[in-house]
Amino acid sequence: MTAGSALAKLTLVNATFLRQRGRDSMEIFQAEMHKETEDGQSIVQDVVFKFAEDDEDLFDAMKNEADMCTNHLKPLRGQGVLEFHGLYQGALEPSGTASEPSVCACLVLQSCGNRIRRFSEIDADVRDALVRLVVHLHNLKIIHYNISPRTILDVNGRPFLIDFETSETHHRCLPMRMDIVKARGNPDPPASELGGCTEIYKLLNDLNWWIPSKSL
């Protein structure tokens, strides 16, 4: 697959199918990217790309993720959020009984790390870093809306968040009481004392951050 723009020419080769997401028809591939920058330099890098075909809902989701990566997540790219290499749209030649080309889109991202399988597998240092990452995200007025094991990568002991397709900007929540957060092991504090918002509070609970306030 080759895509071009005024800034760069990008070619993906040796694509390998990784999986189809269970909740929709989005397909995930790994490939080798050859990219020529506007100043004539050539970049070769392993990437993953999301691929969708003839699905306007997925196209809109990919456009939203591209906007988030391009305009809002720059402070975190490579530091908790994957590097973004572009969103490309094209057409596939008709196959089978189809008589018209199909519209397709491809969103290209850095390839690194492995998805965690469950929150209970995350060690203490990665948990701490994940909470700091999400708080930083909210300080940038961004809410993810889909934080779960399948949207978290472990990259050499550092957490990265992925899948910003439904994320939004202009999010506002109360300042986090990080002194309370750091005192992990205390009984579950009321949300009104902790600050933050539902997304952060839910993450802390998912990570079993607190001692239950009530015994069974």
C-alpha atoms as a PDB file:
ATOM      1  CA  MET A   1       0.000   0.000   0.000  1.00  0.00           C
ATOM      2  CA  THR A   2       1.298   3.434  -0.905  1.00  0.00           C
ATOM      3  CA  ALA A   3      -0.090   6.789   0.137  1.00  0.00           C
ATOM      4  CA  GLY A   4       1.139  10.238  -0.684  1.00  0.00           C
ATOM      5  CA  SER A   5       0.702  13.817   0.482  1.00  0.00           C
ATOM      6  CA  ALA A   6       2.426  17.157   0.111  1.00  0.00           C
ATOM      7  CA  LEU A   7       4.607  16.234   3.090  1.00  0.00           C
ATOM      8  CA  ALA A   8       5.613  12.630   2.636  1.00  0.00           C
ATOM      9  CA  LYS A   9       5.324   9.468   0.631  1.00  0.00           C
ATOM     10  CA  LEU A  10       4.645   6.383   2.704  1.00  0.00           C
ATOM     11  CA  THR A  11       4.770   2.735   1.655  1.00  0.00           C
ATOM     12  CA  LEU A  12       3.764  -0.245   3.783  1.00  0.00           C
ATOM     13  CA  VAL A  13       5.293  -3.628   2.914  1.00  0.00           C
ATOM     14  CA  ASN A  14       5.299  -7.136   4.395  1.00  0.00           C
ATOM     15  CA  ALA A  15       1.949  -6.610   6.087  1.00  0.00           C
ATOM     16  CA  THR A  16       0.912  -9.322   8.550  1.00  0.00           C
ATOM     17  CA  PHE A  17      -2.650  -9.666   9.826  1.00  0.00           C
ATOM     18  CA  LEU A  18      -2.764  -9.523  13.626  1.00  0.00           C
ATOM     19  CA  ARG A  19      -6.424  -9.591  14.567  1.00  0.00           C
ATOM     20  CA  GLN A  20      -9.926  -8.322  13.893  1.00  0.00           C
ATOM     21  CA  ARG A  21     -11.413  -6.414  16.762  1.00  0.00           C
ATOM     22  CA  GLY A  22     -14.304  -8.188  18.377  1.00  0.00           C
ATOM     23  CA  ARG A  23     -16.508  -5.127  18.784  1.00  0.00           C
ATOM     24  CA  ASP A  24     -16.431  -4.073  15.092  1.00  0.00           C
ATOM     25  CA  SER A  25     -14.902  -4.961  11.723  1.00  0.00           C
ATOM     26  CA  MET A  26     -11.673  -3.006  12.216  1.00  0.00           C
ATOM     27  CA  GLU A  27      -8.638  -5.053  11.161  1.00  0.00           C
ATOM     28  CA  ILE A  28      -5.194  -4.613  12.718  1.00  0.00           C
ATOM     29  CA  PHE A  29      -1.986  -5.337  10.797  1.00  0.00           C
ATOM     30  CA  GLN A  30       1.741  -5.095  11.415  1.00  0.00           C
ATOM     31  CA  ALA A  31       3.992  -3.918   8.593  1.00  0.00           C
ATOM     32  CA  GLU A  32       7.281  -2.305   7.632  1.00  0.00           C
ATOM     33  CA  MET A  33       6.965   1.382   6.817  1.00  0.00           C
ATOM     34  CA  HIS A  34       9.149   3.142   4.253  1.00  0.00           C
ATOM     35  CA  LYS A  35       8.612   6.889   4.505  1.00  0.00           C
ATOM     36  CA  GLU A  36      10.219   9.670   2.498  1.00  0.00           C
ATOM     37  CA  THR A  37      10.123  13.015   4.282  1.00  0.00           C
ATOM     38  CA  GLU A  38       9.782  16.350   2.525  1.00  0.00           C
ATOM     39  CA  ASP A  39      13.501  17.019   3.019  1.00  0.00           C
ATOM     40  CA  GLY A  40      14.409  13.813   1.157  1.00  0.00           C
ATOM     41  CA  GLN A  41      15.248  11.588   4.101  1.00  0.00           C
ATOM     42  CA  SER A  42      14.118   7.955   4.191  1.00  0.00           C
ATOM     43  CA  ILE A  43      12.685   6.331   7.327  1.00  0.00           C
ATOM     44  CA  VAL A  44      12.232   2.566   7.757  1.00  0.00           C
ATOM     45  CA  GLN A  45      10.260   1.490  10.806  1.00  0.00           C
ATOM     46  CA  ASP A  46       7.964  -1.259  12.072  1.00  0.00           C
ATOM     47  CA  VAL A  47       4.398  -0.021  12.443  1.00  0.00           C
ATOM     48  CA  VAL A  48       0.893  -1.225  13.111  1.00  0.00           C
ATOM     49  CA  PHE A  49      -2.026   0.011  11.085  1.00  0.00           C
ATOM     50  CA  LYS A  50      -5.777  -0.043  11.461  1.00  0.00           C
ATOM     51  CA  PHE A  51      -7.682  -0.869   8.299  1.00  0.00           C
ATOM     52  CA  ALA A  52     -11.364  -0.344   7.535  1.00  0.00           C
ATOM     53  CA  GLU A  53     -13.346  -0.795   4.339  1.00  0.00           C
ATOM     54  CA  ASP A  54     -16.700   0.737   3.335  1.00  0.00           C
ATOM     55  CA  ASP A  55     -17.660   1.641   6.901  1.00  0.00           C
ATOM     56  CA  GLU A  56     -18.460   5.306   7.524  1.00  0.00           C
ATOM     57  CA  ASP A  57     -18.712   4.826  11.295  1.00  0.00           C
ATOM     58  CA  LEU A  58     -15.192   3.400  11.421  1.00  0.00           C
ATOM     59  CA  PHE A  59     -13.931   6.115   9.068  1.00  0.00           C
ATOM     60  CA  ASP A  60     -15.322   8.760  11.443  1.00  0.00           C
ATOM     61  CA  ALA A  61     -13.717   7.003  14.428  1.00  0.00           C
ATOM     62  CA  MET A  62     -10.355   6.910  12.639  1.00  0.00           C
ATOM     63  CA  LYS A  63     -10.657  10.599  11.755  1.00  0.00           C
ATOM     64  CA  ASN A  64     -11.306  11.383  15.410  1.00  0.00           C
ATOM     65  CA  GLU A  65      -8.236   9.405  16.492  1.00  0.00           C
ATOM     66  CA  ALA A  66      -6.122  11.131  13.833  1.00  0.00           C
ATOM     67  CA  ASP A  67      -7.318  14.527  15.073  1.00  0.00           C
ATOM     68  CA  MET A  68      -6.506  13.576  18.661  1.00  0.00           C
ATOM     69  CA  CYS A  69      -3.004  12.423  17.694  1.00  0.00           C
ATOM     70  CA  THR A  70      -2.286  15.417  15.469  1.00  0.00           C
ATOM     71  CA  ASN A  71      -3.758  18.259  17.498  1.00  0.00           C
ATOM     72  CA  HIS A  72      -4.108  17.217  21.130  1.00  0.00           C
ATOM     73  CA  LEU A  73      -1.793  14.348  22.118  1.00  0.00           C
ATOM     74  CA  LYS A  74       1.536  15.745  20.906  1.00  0.00           C
ATOM     75  CA  PRO A  75       2.899  16.274  24.456  1.00  0.00           C
ATOM     76  CA  LEU A  76       2.466  12.534  25.116  1.00  0.00           C
ATOM     77  CA  ARG A  77       3.454  11.023  21.762  1.00  0.00           C
ATOM     78  CA  GLY A  78       6.242   8.541  22.372  1.00  0.00           C
ATOM     79  CA  GLN A  79       5.796   9.086  26.128  1.00  0.00           C
ATOM     80  CA  GLY A  80       2.621   7.144  26.858  1.00  0.00           C
ATOM     81  CA  VAL A  81       0.896   7.538  23.484  1.00  0.00           C
ATOM     82  CA  LEU A  82       2.033   5.938  20.213  1.00  0.00           C
ATOM     83  CA  GLU A  83       3.759   7.983  17.523  1.00  0.00           C
ATOM     84  CA  PHE A  84       1.315   8.780  14.713  1.00  0.00           C
ATOM     85  CA  HIS A  85       2.290   8.408  11.046  1.00  0.00           C
ATOM     86  CA  GLY A  86      -0.905   9.495   9.340  1.00  0.00           C
ATOM     87  CA  LEU A  87      -4.408   8.595   8.215  1.00  0.00           C
ATOM     88  CA  TYR A  88      -4.750   7.645   4.557  1.00  0.00           C
ATOM     89  CA  GLN A  89      -7.799   6.989   2.403  1.00  0.00           C
ATOM     90  CA  GLY A  90      -7.947   5.202  -0.929  1.00  0.00           C
ATOM     91  CA  ALA A  91      -9.840   2.698  -3.031  1.00  0.00           C
ATOM     92  CA  LEU A  92      -9.543  -1.041  -3.560  1.00  0.00           C
ATOM     93  CA  GLU A  93     -10.134  -2.607  -6.942  1.00  0.00           C
ATOM     94  CA  PRO A  94     -13.385  -4.608  -7.217  1.00  0.00           C
ATOM     95  CA  SER A  95     -13.119  -8.265  -6.297  1.00  0.00           C
ATOM     96  CA  GLY A  96     -15.509 -11.197  -6.441  1.00  0.00           C
ATOM     97  CA  THR A  97     -18.987 -10.085  -7.458  1.00  0.00           C
ATOM     98  CA  ALA A  98     -18.353  -6.401  -6.698  1.00  0.00           C
ATOM     99  CA  SER A  99     -18.510  -4.037  -9.662  1.00  0.00           C
ATOM    100  CA  GLU A 100     -17.331  -0.838  -7.968  1.00  0.00           C
ATOM    101  CA  PRO A 101     -14.128  -0.048  -6.071  1.00  0.00           C
ATOM    102  CA  SER A 102     -14.483  -0.004  -2.299  1.00  0.00           C
ATOM    103  CA  VAL A 103     -13.379   2.909  -0.138  1.00  0.00           C
ATOM    104  CA  CYS A 104     -10.786   2.076   2.500  1.00  0.00           C
ATOM    105  CA  ALA A 105      -8.882   3.914   5.217  1.00  0.00           C
ATOM    106  CA  CYS A 106      -5.607   3.144   6.960  1.00  0.00           C
ATOM    107  CA  LEU A 107      -4.361   4.716  10.204  1.00  0.00           C
ATOM    108  CA  VAL A 108      -0.637   4.144  10.808  1.00  0.00           C
ATOM    109  CA  LEU A 109       0.936   4.073  14.274  1.00  0.00           C
ATOM    110  CA  GLN A 110       4.178   3.155  16.014  1.00  0.00           C
ATOM    111  CA  SER A 111       4.567  -0.564  16.737  1.00  0.00           C
ATOM    112  CA  CYS A 112       5.752  -1.388  20.243  1.00  0.00           C
ATOM    113  CA  GLY A 113       4.889  -3.332  23.354  1.00  0.00           C
ATOM    114  CA  ASN A 114       2.188  -5.863  24.112  1.00  0.00           C
ATOM    115  CA  ARG A 115      -1.370  -5.458  25.295  1.00  0.00           C
ATOM    116  CA  ILE A 116      -1.907  -6.402  28.911  1.00  0.00           C
ATOM    117  CA  ARG A 117      -4.399  -9.197  29.504  1.00  0.00           C
ATOM    118  CA  ARG A 118      -5.841  -8.083  32.833  1.00  0.00           C
ATOM    119  CA  PHE A 119      -5.297  -5.324  35.370  1.00  0.00           C
ATOM    120  CA  SER A 120      -4.150  -7.827  37.989  1.00  0.00           C
ATOM    121  CA  GLU A 121      -1.048  -8.596  35.868  1.00  0.00           C
ATOM    122  CA  ILE A 122       0.320  -5.047  36.081  1.00  0.00           C
ATOM    123  CA  ASP A 123       3.121  -4.636  38.617  1.00  0.00           C
ATOM    124  CA  ALA A 124       3.194  -1.745  41.072  1.00  0.00           C
ATOM    125  CA  ASP A 125       5.552   0.522  39.101  1.00  0.00           C
ATOM    126  CA  VAL A 126       3.507   0.211  35.903  1.00  0.00           C
ATOM    127  CA  ARG A 127       0.285   0.836  37.833  1.00  0.00           C
ATOM    128  CA  ASP A 128       1.733   4.021  39.312  1.00  0.00           C
ATOM    129  CA  ALA A 129       2.901   5.190  35.885  1.00  0.00           C
ATOM    130  CA  LEU A 130      -0.502   4.379  34.339  1.00  0.00           C
ATOM    131  CA  VAL A 131      -2.331   6.499  36.910  1.00  0.00           C
ATOM    132  CA  ARG A 132       0.085   9.399  36.345  1.00  0.00           C
ATOM    133  CA  LEU A 133      -0.405   9.038  32.571  1.00  0.00           C
ATOM    134  CA  VAL A 134      -4.196   9.199  32.810  1.00  0.00           C
ATOM    135  CA  VAL A 135      -4.053  12.158  35.217  1.00  0.00           C
ATOM    136  CA  HIS A 136      -1.718  13.922  32.744  1.00  0.00           C
ATOM    137  CA  LEU A 137      -4.211  13.169  29.973  1.00  0.00           C
ATOM    138  CA  HIS A 138      -6.995  14.761  31.995  1.00  0.00           C
ATOM    139  CA  ASN A 139      -4.806  17.753  32.805  1.00  0.00           C
ATOM    140  CA  LEU A 140      -4.652  18.232  29.015  1.00  0.00           C
ATOM    141  CA  LYS A 141      -8.481  18.219  29.130  1.00  0.00           C
ATOM    142  CA  ILE A 142      -8.675  14.885  27.257  1.00  0.00           C
ATOM    143  CA  ILE A 143     -10.898  12.000  28.318  1.00  0.00           C
ATOM    144  CA  HIS A 144     -10.190   8.578  26.821  1.00  0.00           C
ATOM    145  CA  TYR A 145     -13.599   6.920  27.404  1.00  0.00           C
ATOM    146  CA  ASN A 146     -12.311   3.372  26.874  1.00  0.00           C
ATOM    147  CA  ILE A 147      -9.568   2.561  29.397  1.00  0.00           C
ATOM    148  CA  SER A 148      -9.378  -1.205  29.745  1.00  0.00           C
ATOM    149  CA  PRO A 149      -6.690  -3.914  29.487  1.00  0.00           C
ATOM    150  CA  ARG A 150      -7.148  -4.067  25.704  1.00  0.00           C
ATOM    151  CA  THR A 151      -6.311  -0.350  25.349  1.00  0.00           C
ATOM    152  CA  ILE A 152      -3.121  -0.467  27.442  1.00  0.00           C
ATOM    153  CA  LEU A 153       0.281  -1.566  26.159  1.00  0.00           C
ATOM    154  CA  ASP A 154       3.249  -2.557  28.303  1.00  0.00           C
ATOM    155  CA  VAL A 155       6.302  -1.102  26.553  1.00  0.00           C
ATOM    156  CA  ASN A 156       9.382  -2.275  28.437  1.00  0.00           C
ATOM    157  CA  GLY A 157       7.690  -1.596  31.754  1.00  0.00           C
ATOM    158  CA  ARG A 158       6.034   1.656  30.663  1.00  0.00           C
ATOM    159  CA  PRO A 159       2.289   1.963  30.033  1.00  0.00           C
ATOM    160  CA  PHE A 160       1.028   3.331  26.716  1.00  0.00           C
ATOM    161  CA  LEU A 161      -2.628   4.110  25.992  1.00  0.00           C
ATOM    162  CA  ILE A 162      -4.072   3.242  22.569  1.00  0.00           C
ATOM    163  CA  ASP A 163      -7.393   3.531  20.705  1.00  0.00           C
ATOM    164  CA  PHE A 164      -8.412   7.180  20.980  1.00  0.00           C
ATOM    165  CA  GLU A 165     -11.272   6.749  18.490  1.00  0.00           C
ATOM    166  CA  THR A 166     -13.998   7.884  20.918  1.00  0.00           C
ATOM    167  CA  SER A 167     -11.894  10.271  22.998  1.00  0.00           C
ATOM    168  CA  GLU A 168     -12.909  13.890  23.460  1.00  0.00           C
ATOM    169  CA  THR A 169     -11.250  17.173  24.319  1.00  0.00           C
ATOM    170  CA  HIS A 170     -12.434  20.069  26.512  1.00  0.00           C
ATOM    171  CA  HIS A 171     -12.885  17.622  29.385  1.00  0.00           C
ATOM    172  CA  ARG A 172     -12.981  19.221  32.808  1.00  0.00           C
ATOM    173  CA  CYS A 173     -12.648  17.484  36.137  1.00  0.00           C
ATOM    174  CA  LEU A 174     -11.617  18.565  39.616  1.00  0.00           C
ATOM    175  CA  PRO A 175      -7.882  18.676  40.407  1.00  0.00           C
ATOM    176  CA  MET A 176      -6.687  15.311  41.694  1.00  0.00           C
ATOM    177  CA  ARG A 177      -5.612  15.040  45.333  1.00  0.00           C
ATOM    178  CA  MET A 178      -2.376  13.275  44.448  1.00  0.00           C
ATOM    179  CA  ASP A 179      -1.447  13.081  48.140  1.00  0.00           C
ATOM    180  CA  ILE A 180      -4.460  10.796  48.595  1.00  0.00           C
ATOM    181  CA  VAL A 181      -3.627   8.821  45.451  1.00  0.00           C
ATOM    182  CA  LYS A 182      -0.023   8.290  46.555  1.00  0.00           C
ATOM    183  CA  ALA A 183      -1.195   6.996  49.928  1.00  0.00           C
ATOM    184  CA  ARG A 184      -2.345   3.771  48.307  1.00  0.00           C
ATOM    185  CA  GLY A 185      -3.402   1.063  50.707  1.00  0.00           C
ATOM    186  CA  ASN A 186      -5.671   3.431  52.612  1.00  0.00           C
ATOM    187  CA  PRO A 187      -9.401   2.741  52.784  1.00  0.00           C
ATOM    188  CA  ASP A 188     -11.414   3.676  49.707  1.00  0.00           C
ATOM    189  CA  PRO A 189     -11.857   7.492  49.892  1.00  0.00           C
ATOM    190  CA  PRO A 190     -15.060   9.258  48.819  1.00  0.00           C
ATOM    191  CA  ALA A 191     -14.888  10.583  45.277  1.00  0.00           C
ATOM    192  CA  SER A 192     -15.702  14.060  46.625  1.00  0.00           C
ATOM    193  CA  GLU A 193     -12.407  14.057  48.557  1.00  0.00           C
ATOM    194  CA  LEU A 194     -10.305  12.570  45.765  1.00  0.00           C
ATOM    195  CA  GLY A 195     -11.179  14.982  42.965  1.00  0.00           C
ATOM    196  CA  GLY A 196     -10.697  13.908  39.371  1.00  0.00           C
ATOM    197  CA  CYS A 197     -13.700  12.299  37.694  1.00  0.00           C
ATOM    198  CA  THR A 198     -15.458   9.001  37.088  1.00  0.00           C
ATOM    199  CA  GLU A 199     -12.864   7.760  34.574  1.00  0.00           C
ATOM    200  CA  ILE A 200      -9.951   8.213  36.967  1.00  0.00           C
ATOM    201  CA  TYR A 201     -11.850   6.894  39.973  1.00  0.00           C
ATOM    202  CA  LYS A 202     -12.935   3.799  38.024  1.00  0.00           C
ATOM    203  CA  LEU A 203      -9.330   3.164  36.945  1.00  0.00           C
ATOM    204  CA  LEU A 204      -8.132   3.319  40.551  1.00  0.00           C
ATOM    205  CA  ASN A 205     -10.821   0.853  41.564  1.00  0.00           C
ATOM    206  CA  ASP A 206      -9.988  -1.447  38.617  1.00  0.00           C
ATOM    207  CA  LEU A 207      -6.372  -1.434  39.790  1.00  0.00           C
ATOM    208  CA  ASN A 208      -7.459  -2.408  43.329  1.00  0.00           C
ATOM    209  CA  TRP A 209      -5.754   0.745  44.525  1.00  0.00           C
ATOM    210  CA  TRP A 210      -7.649   0.983  47.788  1.00  0.00           C
ATOM    211  CA  ILE A 211      -8.363  -1.239  50.747  1.00  0.00           C
ATOM    212  CA  PRO A 212     -12.129  -1.902  50.630  1.00  0.00           C
ATOM    213  CA  SER A 213     -13.944   0.412  53.031  1.00  0.00           C
ATOM    214  CA  LYS A 214     -16.351  -2.382  53.974  1.00  0.00           C
ATOM    215  CA  SER A 215     -15.480  -5.959  54.857  1.00  0.00           C
ATOM    216  CA  LEU A 216     -17.436  -8.816  53.309  1.00  0.00           C
END
